[in-house]
């Protein structure tokens, strides 16, 4: 039996030189068959080492190029070994296709995502909502950015996936993108579903993500500090067991751990999704069922419900979630203080937030064309509904006008109160002056004093004459 020959060569394609920059190509040779491919990299021609088939020098750019070439070589060798174990005859083209993720057997991850999205799009408005489609598109974009950031690749073959891939993806969404736990869970479930369907269709030999599980709500703050005194170990254990029963987590291994690493009483529940009978515990609609069960248990045990975003510990948030809460607080304080749109916009700018009105027609300033609002901060953009449910331009203007009316009413009430307090003071002061008039050294004229009338001779004479006339006429009947 003849010995199999296998070789990988990298070279600069001088025929496509442009401004001194040339693309780097690769060539796979197996038993006399050759197949070329692009390495998706470019390099200055003066930096390429023809004899060494690599970049020369110790510059940062040269070292990065050589690391990428070593990575490509390792992947090709891996595909060659995999094909040699399964196939009786291996060609250079088969290895190249395996590396590039071509062929029915070697379907790429993003290619599988795109096929699922195309099928889902045809079902929109029939048995699927448009929002469901948009959420899966978002998950697909997260996977693409993860591949680019952590693997420096635009796509990956299904055959290259390992159980650690989805775990690293979840860590990337949490640490690098700063996403909420519910968003991380949803994106991981979309990724798991795509790989699972590829396995069901025979594209890959095994589902490498079958044992992966992530909780849709893995927040540490399970309970509020108001309930700290009543949450003993026994009470917390009882609630956790009832939670498992209601979530249909039965007949399986589990671990319940209570932590005291912050001021909030909380525990962590870890369980095996493969029960003691070897069957998988369903995670269908986990997010909604979790919400319903936790609310039911809170009501049953009289636990405190959160009072909204205002009590969130923003110092523990990162990335987009931290920025979103900063915008939320800026908008909230603005709605309490401001009385006009201009004042509201200036208040947001002072807090580093920009607001943009979205119109149906570009350049339109007619409020009839108003479609929505966007808030921007630290390079992130959010729709108004993402900041606060029900937040809209009409609602903001209504609140600002309400602030104006309240201020006017407050001014009217204050003025009326001032008049009411001033009037009794004036009346009291006047009465005091009249009462104390004789005692302040000013002689009383007796004009309104019946006890001490002023003597008038003419008046006295007129009174006497009237009395004489009455005596002459006699008394009247």
Protein backbone atom coordinates (compact mmCIF):
# COMPACT_ATOMS: atom_id res chain seq x y z
CA UNK A 1 0.00 0.00 0.00
CA UNK A 2 1.46 3.39 -1.06
CA UNK A 3 2.12 6.00 1.59
CA UNK A 4 -0.28 8.94 1.70
CA UNK A 5 1.26 12.39 1.23
CA UNK A 6 -0.25 15.45 2.86
CA UNK A 7 1.10 18.99 2.74
CA UNK A 8 -0.11 22.55 3.40
CA UNK A 9 1.53 25.57 1.77
CA UNK A 10 0.87 29.29 2.20
CA UNK A 11 1.96 31.83 -0.42
CA UNK A 12 1.43 35.46 -1.47
CA UNK A 13 -0.60 35.92 -4.66
CA UNK A 14 1.54 38.49 -6.50
CA UNK A 15 -0.85 38.49 -9.46
CA UNK A 16 -3.39 40.41 -7.35
CA UNK A 17 -0.99 42.98 -5.91
CA UNK A 18 -2.57 46.37 -5.26
CA UNK A 19 -0.57 49.28 -3.84
CA UNK A 20 2.04 46.88 -2.53
CA UNK A 21 -0.57 44.73 -0.69
CA UNK A 22 -1.10 41.08 -1.70
CA UNK A 23 -3.64 38.47 -0.52
CA UNK A 24 -2.41 35.34 1.26
CA UNK A 25 -3.49 32.04 -0.32
CA UNK A 26 -3.31 28.44 0.88
CA UNK A 27 -2.75 25.18 -1.01
CA UNK A 28 -3.56 21.66 0.20
CA UNK A 29 -1.77 18.76 -1.49
CA UNK A 30 -2.84 15.15 -0.92
CA UNK A 31 -1.53 12.24 -3.02
CA UNK A 32 -0.86 14.50 -6.00
CA UNK A 33 -4.22 16.30 -5.84
CA UNK A 34 -4.17 20.02 -5.09
CA UNK A 35 -6.78 22.51 -3.97
CA UNK A 36 -6.32 26.22 -3.32
CA UNK A 37 -8.23 28.55 -1.02
CA UNK A 38 -8.09 32.11 0.24
CA UNK A 39 -6.90 32.74 3.79
CA UNK A 40 -8.98 35.96 3.92
CA UNK A 41 -5.86 37.95 4.85
CA UNK A 42 -3.62 40.50 3.13
CA UNK A 43 -0.05 41.56 3.79
CA UNK A 44 2.54 43.99 2.34
CA UNK A 45 4.60 42.12 -0.23
CA UNK A 46 7.86 43.26 1.40
CA UNK A 47 6.81 41.55 4.65
CA UNK A 48 6.25 38.10 3.12
CA UNK A 49 8.96 35.42 3.52
CA UNK A 50 8.85 33.26 0.39
CA UNK A 51 11.11 30.52 1.76
CA UNK A 52 9.44 30.32 5.16
CA UNK A 53 5.88 30.63 3.78
CA UNK A 54 5.06 33.14 6.54
CA UNK A 55 5.40 36.78 7.49
CA UNK A 56 8.90 37.86 8.39
CA UNK A 57 9.96 40.11 11.22
CA UNK A 58 8.83 40.56 14.81
CA UNK A 59 6.34 43.36 14.28
CA UNK A 60 2.87 43.16 15.82
CA UNK A 61 1.27 42.73 12.39
CA UNK A 62 3.69 39.95 11.37
CA UNK A 63 3.15 38.02 14.61
CA UNK A 64 -0.64 38.26 14.24
CA UNK A 65 -0.53 37.00 10.62
CA UNK A 66 1.62 34.02 11.61
CA UNK A 67 -0.72 33.14 14.50
CA UNK A 68 -3.71 33.19 12.13
CA UNK A 69 -1.87 31.00 9.62
CA UNK A 70 -0.98 28.50 12.35
CA UNK A 71 -4.66 28.41 13.35
CA UNK A 72 -5.73 27.72 9.75
CA UNK A 73 -3.13 24.97 9.44
CA UNK A 74 -4.31 23.32 12.66
CA UNK A 75 -7.93 23.34 11.47
CA UNK A 76 -7.02 21.80 8.11
CA UNK A 77 -5.01 19.05 9.80
CA UNK A 78 -7.97 18.34 12.08
CA UNK A 79 -10.32 18.00 9.11
CA UNK A 80 -7.84 15.78 7.26
CA UNK A 81 -7.55 13.42 10.24
CA UNK A 82 -11.34 13.32 10.65
CA UNK A 83 -11.84 12.46 6.97
CA UNK A 84 -9.06 9.86 7.03
CA UNK A 85 -10.78 8.09 9.91
CA UNK A 86 -14.12 7.94 8.09
CA UNK A 87 -13.29 7.74 4.39
CA UNK A 88 -11.23 5.24 2.47
CA UNK A 89 -10.00 7.85 0.01
CA UNK A 90 -9.37 11.52 0.78
CA UNK A 91 -8.69 14.28 -1.76
CA UNK A 92 -7.39 17.82 -1.33
CA UNK A 93 -10.76 19.21 -2.43
CA UNK A 94 -12.56 17.22 0.28
CA UNK A 95 -10.27 18.67 2.94
CA UNK A 96 -10.66 22.21 1.59
CA UNK A 97 -14.45 21.87 1.54
CA UNK A 98 -14.41 20.55 5.08
CA UNK A 99 -12.31 23.53 6.23
CA UNK A 100 -14.58 26.02 4.47
CA UNK A 101 -17.73 24.27 5.72
CA UNK A 102 -18.96 23.39 2.24
CA UNK A 103 -20.97 20.34 1.26
CA UNK A 104 -24.07 18.79 2.78
CA UNK A 105 -22.18 17.02 5.51
CA UNK A 106 -20.15 20.02 6.55
CA UNK A 107 -22.88 22.62 6.89
CA UNK A 108 -21.83 25.84 8.58
CA UNK A 109 -23.41 27.19 11.73
CA UNK A 110 -24.52 30.55 10.33
CA UNK A 111 -25.66 28.81 7.14
CA UNK A 112 -27.92 26.60 9.25
CA UNK A 113 -29.15 29.70 11.11
CA UNK A 114 -30.00 31.39 7.81
CA UNK A 115 -31.94 28.35 6.59
CA UNK A 116 -33.96 28.26 9.80
CA UNK A 117 -34.65 31.98 9.51
CA UNK A 118 -35.80 31.61 5.91
CA UNK A 119 -38.25 28.87 6.94
CA UNK A 120 -39.44 30.93 9.91
CA UNK A 121 -39.98 34.02 7.78
CA UNK A 122 -42.36 32.12 5.51
CA UNK A 123 -44.47 31.28 8.58
CA UNK A 124 -44.75 34.88 9.82
CA UNK A 125 -48.37 36.06 10.09
CA UNK A 126 -49.53 32.47 9.66
CA UNK A 127 -48.57 30.61 12.81
CA UNK A 128 -45.59 32.71 13.93
CA UNK A 129 -45.36 36.35 15.00
CA UNK A 130 -42.97 38.85 13.45
CA UNK A 131 -41.44 39.46 16.88
CA UNK A 132 -40.40 35.80 17.09
CA UNK A 133 -38.56 36.13 13.78
CA UNK A 134 -36.79 39.31 14.90
CA UNK A 135 -35.63 37.70 18.13
CA UNK A 136 -34.04 34.79 16.23
CA UNK A 137 -32.36 37.23 13.82
CA UNK A 138 -30.89 39.00 16.85
CA UNK A 139 -29.56 35.68 18.20
CA UNK A 140 -28.01 34.90 14.81
CA UNK A 141 -26.22 38.27 14.86
CA UNK A 142 -24.94 37.61 18.38
CA UNK A 143 -23.43 34.31 17.21
CA UNK A 144 -21.80 36.06 14.23
CA UNK A 145 -20.24 38.73 16.46
CA UNK A 146 -19.04 36.02 18.88
CA UNK A 147 -17.31 34.15 16.05
CA UNK A 148 -15.64 37.33 14.87
CA UNK A 149 -14.56 38.51 18.33
CA UNK A 150 -13.46 35.22 19.91
CA UNK A 151 -12.59 32.97 16.96
CA UNK A 152 -11.64 35.57 14.32
CA UNK A 153 -13.85 33.81 11.80
CA UNK A 154 -16.90 34.70 9.77
CA UNK A 155 -18.41 31.21 10.14
CA UNK A 156 -17.68 27.75 11.52
CA UNK A 157 -18.42 24.23 10.36
CA UNK A 158 -20.92 22.20 12.33
CA UNK A 159 -18.30 19.47 12.66
CA UNK A 160 -16.02 21.81 14.61
CA UNK A 161 -18.56 22.58 17.34
CA UNK A 162 -17.79 21.36 20.85
CA UNK A 163 -19.82 21.48 24.09
CA UNK A 164 -17.63 24.38 25.25
CA UNK A 165 -18.67 26.53 22.28
CA UNK A 166 -22.10 27.39 23.65
CA UNK A 167 -20.69 27.91 27.16
CA UNK A 168 -18.15 30.39 25.80
CA UNK A 169 -20.97 32.03 23.85
CA UNK A 170 -22.98 32.55 27.06
CA UNK A 171 -19.93 34.03 28.83
CA UNK A 172 -19.33 36.36 25.87
CA UNK A 173 -22.92 37.65 25.97
CA UNK A 174 -22.68 38.25 29.71
CA UNK A 175 -19.20 39.77 30.04
CA UNK A 176 -18.54 41.43 26.68
CA UNK A 177 -22.05 42.43 25.66
CA UNK A 178 -23.48 42.95 29.16
CA UNK A 179 -26.84 41.37 28.29
CA UNK A 180 -29.56 40.41 30.75
CA UNK A 181 -29.82 36.78 31.83
CA UNK A 182 -33.14 36.33 30.00
CA UNK A 183 -31.60 37.55 26.72
CA UNK A 184 -28.60 35.25 27.18
CA UNK A 185 -30.91 32.32 27.83
CA UNK A 186 -33.02 33.03 24.74
CA UNK A 187 -29.98 33.40 22.44
CA UNK A 188 -28.45 30.16 23.76
CA UNK A 189 -31.75 28.33 23.25
CA UNK A 190 -31.90 29.55 19.63
CA UNK A 191 -28.34 28.34 19.06
CA UNK A 192 -29.10 25.02 20.73
CA UNK A 193 -32.20 24.61 18.60
CA UNK A 194 -30.34 25.21 15.33
CA UNK A 195 -27.70 22.59 16.19
CA UNK A 196 -30.37 20.18 17.41
CA UNK A 197 -32.29 20.42 14.13
CA UNK A 198 -29.06 19.91 12.17
CA UNK A 199 -28.50 16.72 14.13
CA UNK A 200 -32.07 15.57 13.52
CA UNK A 201 -31.59 16.14 9.79
CA UNK A 202 -28.40 14.09 9.71
CA UNK A 203 -26.03 17.01 9.11
CA UNK A 204 -23.92 16.16 12.16
CA UNK A 205 -23.33 12.87 13.93
CA UNK A 206 -24.22 14.04 17.44
CA UNK A 207 -25.84 17.01 19.16
CA UNK A 208 -22.93 18.49 21.12
CA UNK A 209 -25.26 20.89 22.98
CA UNK A 210 -27.75 18.25 24.17
CA UNK A 211 -26.58 18.41 27.81
CA UNK A 212 -26.30 22.20 27.94
CA UNK A 213 -28.74 24.01 30.23
CA UNK A 214 -28.92 27.60 31.36
CA UNK A 215 -31.55 29.10 33.62
CA UNK A 216 -33.70 31.82 32.02
CA UNK A 217 -33.48 33.74 35.28
CA UNK A 218 -30.14 33.34 36.97
CA UNK A 219 -30.20 36.60 38.92
CA UNK A 220 -28.73 36.47 42.41
CA UNK A 221 -31.49 38.58 43.94
CA UNK A 222 -34.11 35.92 44.32
CA UNK A 223 -35.68 37.56 47.38
CA UNK A 224 -35.90 41.15 48.62
CA UNK A 225 -34.27 42.50 51.77
CA UNK A 226 -37.72 43.20 53.26
CA UNK A 227 -38.16 39.41 53.61
CA UNK A 228 -34.75 38.77 55.15
CA UNK A 229 -36.02 37.96 58.65
CA UNK A 230 -38.58 35.38 57.56
CA UNK A 231 -36.28 33.58 55.07
CA UNK A 232 -34.66 30.98 57.27
CA UNK A 233 -32.84 27.98 55.81
CA UNK A 234 -35.93 25.83 56.35
CA UNK A 235 -38.26 28.34 54.68
CA UNK A 236 -35.94 28.79 51.70
CA UNK A 237 -35.58 25.03 51.28
CA UNK A 238 -39.36 24.56 51.39
CA UNK A 239 -39.90 27.25 48.74
CA UNK A 240 -37.19 25.75 46.51
CA UNK A 241 -38.71 22.26 46.72
CA UNK A 242 -42.16 23.60 45.86
CA UNK A 243 -40.62 25.54 42.97
CA UNK A 244 -39.06 22.34 41.59
CA UNK A 245 -42.38 20.50 41.94
CA UNK A 246 -44.31 23.22 40.11
CA UNK A 247 -41.64 23.43 37.37
CA UNK A 248 -41.88 19.65 36.93
CA UNK A 249 -38.26 19.11 38.03
CA UNK A 250 -38.68 15.70 39.59
CA UNK A 251 -36.80 12.45 40.16
CA UNK A 252 -33.38 13.92 39.43
CA UNK A 253 -30.18 15.01 41.12
CA UNK A 254 -30.09 18.59 42.40
CA UNK A 255 -28.05 20.91 44.58
CA UNK A 256 -29.43 23.88 46.56
CA UNK A 257 -26.87 26.37 47.89
CA UNK A 258 -27.53 29.48 49.97
CA UNK A 259 -25.13 32.41 49.60
CA UNK A 260 -24.35 35.29 51.94
CA UNK A 261 -22.05 37.25 49.61
CA UNK A 262 -24.30 40.33 49.48
CA UNK A 263 -27.05 42.00 51.46
CA UNK A 264 -29.86 40.13 49.69
CA UNK A 265 -30.92 36.66 50.85
CA UNK A 266 -30.65 34.31 47.87
CA UNK A 267 -29.96 30.73 46.88
CA UNK A 268 -28.82 28.88 43.75
CA UNK A 269 -30.49 25.77 42.40
CA UNK A 270 -28.52 23.40 40.16
CA UNK A 271 -30.14 20.24 38.80
CA UNK A 272 -29.50 17.47 36.29
CA UNK A 273 -31.81 17.74 33.26
CA UNK A 274 -31.45 14.00 32.67
CA UNK A 275 -33.62 12.39 35.33
CA UNK A 276 -33.00 9.06 37.10
CA UNK A 277 -34.84 7.19 34.34
CA UNK A 278 -32.56 8.62 31.63
CA UNK A 279 -35.25 10.94 30.25
CA UNK A 280 -34.75 14.64 29.52
CA UNK A 281 -36.60 17.12 31.73
CA UNK A 282 -38.34 19.53 29.37
CA UNK A 283 -37.34 23.17 29.25
CA UNK A 284 -40.23 24.19 27.01
CA UNK A 285 -41.62 27.64 27.91
CA UNK A 286 -39.25 27.70 30.89
CA UNK A 287 -39.19 31.49 31.00
CA UNK A 288 -42.97 31.98 31.23
CA UNK A 289 -43.49 29.05 33.59
CA UNK A 290 -40.72 30.37 35.85
CA UNK A 291 -42.41 33.78 36.03
CA UNK A 292 -45.80 32.28 36.86
CA UNK A 293 -44.42 29.92 39.51
CA UNK A 294 -42.34 32.56 41.29
CA UNK A 295 -45.33 34.94 41.48
CA UNK A 296 -47.52 32.15 42.84
CA UNK A 297 -44.99 31.27 45.54
CA UNK A 298 -44.52 34.92 46.51
CA UNK A 299 -48.24 35.31 47.06
CA UNK A 300 -48.49 32.04 48.95
CA UNK A 301 -45.72 32.89 51.41
CA UNK A 302 -46.45 36.63 51.61
CA UNK A 303 -43.12 37.69 50.12
CA UNK A 304 -42.48 41.21 48.86
CA UNK A 305 -42.88 42.04 45.18
CA UNK A 306 -40.34 44.36 43.63
CA UNK A 307 -41.54 47.95 43.29
CA UNK A 308 -39.98 48.48 39.89
CA UNK A 309 -36.71 49.56 38.31
CA UNK A 310 -36.16 52.34 40.80
CA UNK A 311 -34.80 49.85 43.37
CA UNK A 312 -32.36 48.10 41.01
CA UNK A 313 -28.71 48.13 42.08
CA UNK A 314 -27.30 49.85 39.00
CA UNK A 315 -23.73 49.68 40.32
CA UNK A 316 -23.78 45.91 39.70
CA UNK A 317 -24.91 46.23 36.08
CA UNK A 318 -22.63 46.25 33.05
CA UNK A 319 -22.73 47.11 29.37
CA UNK A 320 -26.08 47.80 27.77
CA UNK A 321 -28.11 47.07 30.90
CA UNK A 322 -26.19 49.68 32.90
CA UNK A 323 -26.61 52.26 30.13
CA UNK A 324 -30.32 51.46 29.83
CA UNK A 325 -30.88 52.09 33.55
CA UNK A 326 -28.90 55.34 33.40
CA UNK A 327 -31.20 56.53 30.60
CA UNK A 328 -34.22 55.32 32.59
CA UNK A 329 -33.24 57.44 35.62
CA UNK A 330 -32.45 60.49 33.46
CA UNK A 331 -35.84 60.26 31.76
CA UNK A 332 -37.62 59.72 35.09
CA UNK A 333 -36.07 62.76 36.79
CA UNK A 334 -36.72 64.85 33.68
CA UNK A 335 -40.39 63.95 33.69
CA UNK A 336 -40.65 65.05 37.31
CA UNK A 337 -38.86 68.38 36.95
CA UNK A 338 -39.20 69.68 33.39
CA UNK A 339 -42.10 71.73 32.04
CA UNK A 340 -41.30 71.91 28.31
CA UNK A 341 -39.82 69.70 25.58
CA UNK A 342 -36.75 71.96 25.23
CA UNK A 343 -36.10 71.80 28.97
CA UNK A 344 -36.53 68.01 28.89
CA UNK A 345 -34.04 67.61 26.00
CA UNK A 346 -31.49 69.85 27.76
CA UNK A 347 -31.91 67.83 30.96
CA UNK A 348 -31.13 64.62 29.06
CA UNK A 349 -28.10 66.21 27.36
CA UNK A 350 -26.78 67.24 30.78
CA UNK A 351 -26.90 63.53 31.71
CA UNK A 352 -25.17 62.46 28.47
CA UNK A 353 -28.35 61.22 26.79
CA UNK A 354 -29.50 62.17 23.30
CA UNK A 355 -33.10 61.82 22.15
CA UNK A 356 -34.07 61.41 18.49
CA UNK A 357 -37.56 61.55 16.99
CA UNK A 358 -38.19 58.90 14.33
CA UNK A 359 -40.33 60.07 11.40
CA UNK A 360 -42.08 58.00 8.76
CA UNK A 361 -40.73 60.32 6.09
CA UNK A 362 -37.13 61.49 6.10
CA UNK A 363 -36.76 65.17 6.88
CA UNK A 364 -40.37 65.60 7.95
CA UNK A 365 -41.11 67.86 10.95
CA UNK A 366 -44.83 67.21 11.02
CA UNK A 367 -45.89 65.48 14.24
CA UNK A 368 -48.39 63.46 12.19
CA UNK A 369 -45.40 61.60 10.73
CA UNK A 370 -43.96 60.83 14.17
CA UNK A 371 -43.32 57.10 14.48
CA UNK A 372 -41.34 56.80 17.69
CA UNK A 373 -38.29 57.89 19.70
CA UNK A 374 -34.76 56.66 20.24
CA UNK A 375 -32.40 57.36 23.14
CA UNK A 376 -28.62 57.25 22.72
CA UNK A 377 -25.86 57.05 25.33
CA UNK A 378 -22.28 55.75 25.34
CA UNK A 379 -22.64 54.36 21.81
CA UNK A 380 -25.81 52.38 22.61
CA UNK A 381 -29.22 53.10 21.08
CA UNK A 382 -32.56 52.07 22.58
CA UNK A 383 -36.15 52.46 21.51
CA UNK A 384 -38.40 54.32 23.95
CA UNK A 385 -40.28 51.11 24.78
CA UNK A 386 -36.97 49.44 25.77
CA UNK A 387 -36.35 52.14 28.36
CA UNK A 388 -39.82 52.19 29.86
CA UNK A 389 -42.97 50.40 28.81
CA UNK A 390 -45.54 52.84 27.41
CA UNK A 391 -42.99 55.66 27.01
CA UNK A 392 -43.93 57.80 24.00
CA UNK A 393 -43.71 61.37 22.75
CA UNK A 394 -47.41 61.95 23.45
CA UNK A 395 -47.02 60.59 26.96
CA UNK A 396 -43.98 62.77 27.64
CA UNK A 397 -45.75 65.93 26.41
CA UNK A 398 -48.79 65.06 28.51
CA UNK A 399 -46.57 64.74 31.61
CA UNK A 400 -44.75 68.00 30.85
CA UNK A 401 -48.05 69.84 30.38
CA UNK A 402 -49.28 68.31 33.63
CA UNK A 403 -46.17 69.69 35.36
CA UNK A 404 -47.00 73.18 34.00
CA UNK A 405 -50.60 72.93 35.22
CA UNK A 406 -49.46 71.74 38.64
CA UNK A 407 -47.00 74.62 38.87
CA UNK A 408 -49.70 77.13 37.93
CA UNK A 409 -52.14 75.63 40.42
CA UNK A 410 -49.46 75.67 43.07
CA UNK A 411 -48.81 79.37 42.38
CA UNK A 412 -52.55 80.17 42.56
CA UNK A 413 -52.94 78.27 45.82
CA UNK A 414 -49.88 79.97 47.26
CA UNK A 415 -51.19 83.43 46.28
CA UNK A 416 -54.64 82.69 47.73
CA UNK A 417 -53.08 81.44 50.94
CA UNK A 418 -50.95 84.57 51.17
CA UNK A 419 -54.03 86.82 50.70
CA UNK A 420 -55.95 84.88 53.34
CA UNK A 421 -53.13 85.21 55.83
CA UNK A 422 -52.55 88.92 55.08
CA UNK A 423 -56.25 89.94 55.44
CA UNK A 424 -56.70 88.78 59.05
CA UNK A 425 -53.41 90.49 59.92
CA UNK A 426 -54.64 93.80 58.49
CA UNK A 427 -58.01 93.50 60.23
CA UNK A 428 -56.36 92.66 63.54
CA UNK A 429 -53.94 95.55 63.15
CA UNK A 430 -56.84 97.97 62.43
CA UNK A 431 -58.85 96.75 65.40
CA UNK A 432 -55.83 97.06 67.62
CA UNK A 433 -55.28 100.66 66.50
CA UNK A 434 -58.95 101.60 67.14
CA UNK A 435 -59.02 99.90 70.51
CA UNK A 436 -55.79 101.49 71.65
CA UNK A 437 -56.52 104.95 70.19
CA UNK A 438 -57.02 106.88 73.48
CA UNK A 439 -53.98 105.31 75.08
CA UNK A 440 -51.41 106.47 72.59
CA UNK A 441 -51.51 110.16 73.45
CA UNK A 442 -53.95 111.31 70.75
CA UNK A 443 -57.10 112.90 72.25
CA UNK A 444 -60.38 111.36 71.20
CA UNK A 445 -62.68 113.62 69.25
CA UNK A 446 -65.76 111.68 70.36
CA UNK A 447 -67.24 111.63 66.84
CA UNK A 448 -68.42 108.03 67.27
CA UNK A 449 -68.48 108.01 71.05
CA UNK A 450 -72.11 108.12 72.35
CA UNK A 451 -71.02 108.33 75.96
CA UNK A 452 -69.17 111.58 75.43
CA UNK A 453 -70.91 113.62 72.67
CA UNK A 454 -69.63 117.00 71.51
CA UNK A 455 -71.73 120.00 72.74
CA UNK A 456 -73.31 122.06 69.87
CA UNK A 457 -75.37 125.22 70.88
CA UNK A 458 -77.37 125.40 67.64
CA UNK A 459 -78.27 121.75 67.96
CA UNK A 460 -79.38 122.32 71.56
CA UNK A 461 -81.59 125.26 70.56
CA UNK A 462 -83.27 123.26 67.80
CA UNK A 463 -84.00 120.47 70.27
CA UNK A 464 -85.73 122.86 72.72
CA UNK A 465 -88.05 124.29 70.03
CA UNK A 466 -89.15 120.83 68.96
CA UNK A 467 -90.03 119.94 72.56
CA UNK A 468 -92.19 123.13 72.90
CA UNK A 469 -94.17 122.27 69.74
CA UNK A 470 -94.91 118.79 71.07
CA UNK A 471 -96.32 120.28 74.33
CA UNK A 472 -98.65 122.64 72.39
CA UNK A 473 -100.06 119.91 70.11
CA UNK A 474 -100.42 117.38 72.84
CA UNK A 475 -99.74 113.71 72.60
CA UNK A 476 -100.72 111.85 69.42
CA UNK A 477 -103.00 108.86 69.43
